[in-house]
Amino acid sequence: MANRDIFLLTKPPQSERAELCLRLMEHGDDPVLYLAGDGVYNLLDEALMEKWPGKVMACNEDLEARGLQAGERVRVPEDFYQLLVEEMVAEGSRIYSF
């Protein structure tokens, strides 16, 4: 199985952790970004979101709790955490949490 870098971001935009996440994603192997908690606020920064090199997933419950909607590029699966765990345990996955 090919390597995949999985990024879980729970920090808001312009935090040092979110910026570090973005820099690491730029060099990742087939990166996927999971946004949860305050990390869903990163969806508000359209210029920032255009830079994400991989696919983006957002937690529906966290979007609803903050009154946000995902754009067309963002997937909002019903089983966000189950999907996250399945990708984390897949062979070749590397996990980064911010």
Protein backbone atom coordinates (compact mmCIF):
# COMPACT_ATOMS: atom_id res chain seq x y z
CA MET A 1 0.00 0.00 0.00
CA ALA A 2 1.21 3.52 -0.78
CA ASN A 3 2.22 5.87 2.00
CA ARG A 4 -0.35 8.40 3.15
CA ASP A 5 0.13 11.31 5.52
CA ILE A 6 -2.89 12.01 7.71
CA PHE A 7 -3.20 15.37 9.43
CA LEU A 8 -5.69 15.99 12.25
CA LEU A 9 -6.04 19.73 12.83
CA THR A 10 -8.00 21.01 15.84
CA LYS A 11 -6.42 24.48 15.98
CA PRO A 12 -7.88 27.66 14.44
CA PRO A 13 -6.32 29.50 11.50
CA GLN A 14 -3.24 31.62 12.04
CA SER A 15 -2.22 29.61 15.08
CA GLU A 16 1.35 28.38 15.02
CA ARG A 17 0.11 24.79 14.99
CA ALA A 18 -2.15 25.36 11.95
CA GLU A 19 0.69 27.03 10.06
CA LEU A 20 3.05 24.15 10.90
CA CYS A 21 0.41 21.68 9.70
CA LEU A 22 0.15 23.49 6.36
CA ARG A 23 3.92 23.52 5.87
CA LEU A 24 4.17 19.80 6.61
CA MET A 25 1.26 18.99 4.30
CA GLU A 26 3.05 20.67 1.41
CA HIS A 27 5.71 17.97 1.65
CA GLY A 28 3.44 15.06 2.52
CA ASP A 29 2.76 11.85 0.65
CA ASP A 30 -0.85 11.83 -0.58
CA PRO A 31 -1.92 14.08 2.35
CA VAL A 32 -5.41 14.15 3.79
CA LEU A 33 -6.50 16.82 6.27
CA TYR A 34 -9.12 16.09 8.93
CA LEU A 35 -10.61 19.20 10.56
CA ALA A 36 -12.22 18.82 13.97
CA GLY A 37 -12.96 21.11 16.91
CA ASP A 38 -11.74 24.66 16.27
CA GLY A 39 -9.86 23.33 13.25
CA VAL A 40 -13.06 23.72 11.21
CA TYR A 41 -12.54 27.50 11.42
CA ASN A 42 -9.76 27.02 8.86
CA LEU A 43 -12.54 26.64 6.29
CA LEU A 44 -13.28 30.36 6.68
CA ASP A 45 -9.89 31.28 5.19
CA GLU A 46 -10.53 30.57 1.51
CA ALA A 47 -7.03 31.59 0.41
CA LEU A 48 -5.53 29.23 2.97
CA MET A 49 -7.80 26.36 2.00
CA GLU A 50 -6.83 26.72 -1.67
CA LYS A 51 -3.23 25.97 -0.66
CA TRP A 52 -4.02 22.61 0.94
CA PRO A 53 -2.37 20.07 -1.35
CA GLY A 54 -4.57 17.09 -0.48
CA LYS A 55 -8.16 16.20 0.28
CA VAL A 56 -9.98 17.84 3.18
CA MET A 57 -12.48 16.21 5.54
CA ALA A 58 -14.49 18.08 8.18
CA CYS A 59 -16.46 16.88 11.19
CA ASN A 60 -20.16 17.67 10.68
CA GLU A 61 -20.90 18.00 14.40
CA ASP A 62 -18.14 20.60 14.81
CA LEU A 63 -19.32 22.51 11.73
CA GLU A 64 -22.88 22.61 13.08
CA ALA A 65 -21.76 23.59 16.58
CA ARG A 66 -19.91 26.60 15.13
CA GLY A 67 -22.53 27.53 12.54
CA LEU A 68 -20.21 26.82 9.59
CA GLN A 69 -20.70 25.17 6.22
CA ALA A 70 -18.12 23.29 4.20
CA GLY A 71 -17.24 24.34 0.68
CA GLU A 72 -17.53 22.06 -2.32
CA ARG A 73 -13.90 20.90 -2.03
CA VAL A 74 -14.48 19.63 1.52
CA ARG A 75 -15.99 16.25 2.32
CA VAL A 76 -18.21 15.99 5.40
CA PRO A 77 -18.70 12.28 6.09
CA GLU A 78 -21.36 11.09 8.53
CA ASP A 79 -18.83 8.71 10.06
CA PHE A 80 -15.96 11.22 10.39
CA TYR A 81 -14.18 9.57 13.33
CA GLN A 82 -14.63 6.03 12.04
CA LEU A 83 -13.14 7.06 8.70
CA LEU A 84 -10.27 8.84 10.47
CA VAL A 85 -9.44 5.77 12.55
CA GLU A 86 -9.60 3.47 9.52
CA GLU A 87 -7.14 5.68 7.65
CA MET A 88 -4.89 5.95 10.70
CA VAL A 89 -4.53 2.19 11.07
CA ALA A 90 -4.05 1.54 7.36
CA GLU A 91 -0.66 0.19 6.39
CA GLY A 92 1.73 2.94 5.33
CA SER A 93 -0.11 5.75 7.14
CA ARG A 94 1.73 8.43 9.06
CA ILE A 95 -0.33 10.46 11.51
CA TYR A 96 0.24 14.08 12.56
CA SER A 97 -1.98 15.77 15.13
CA PHE A 98 -2.17 19.50 15.73
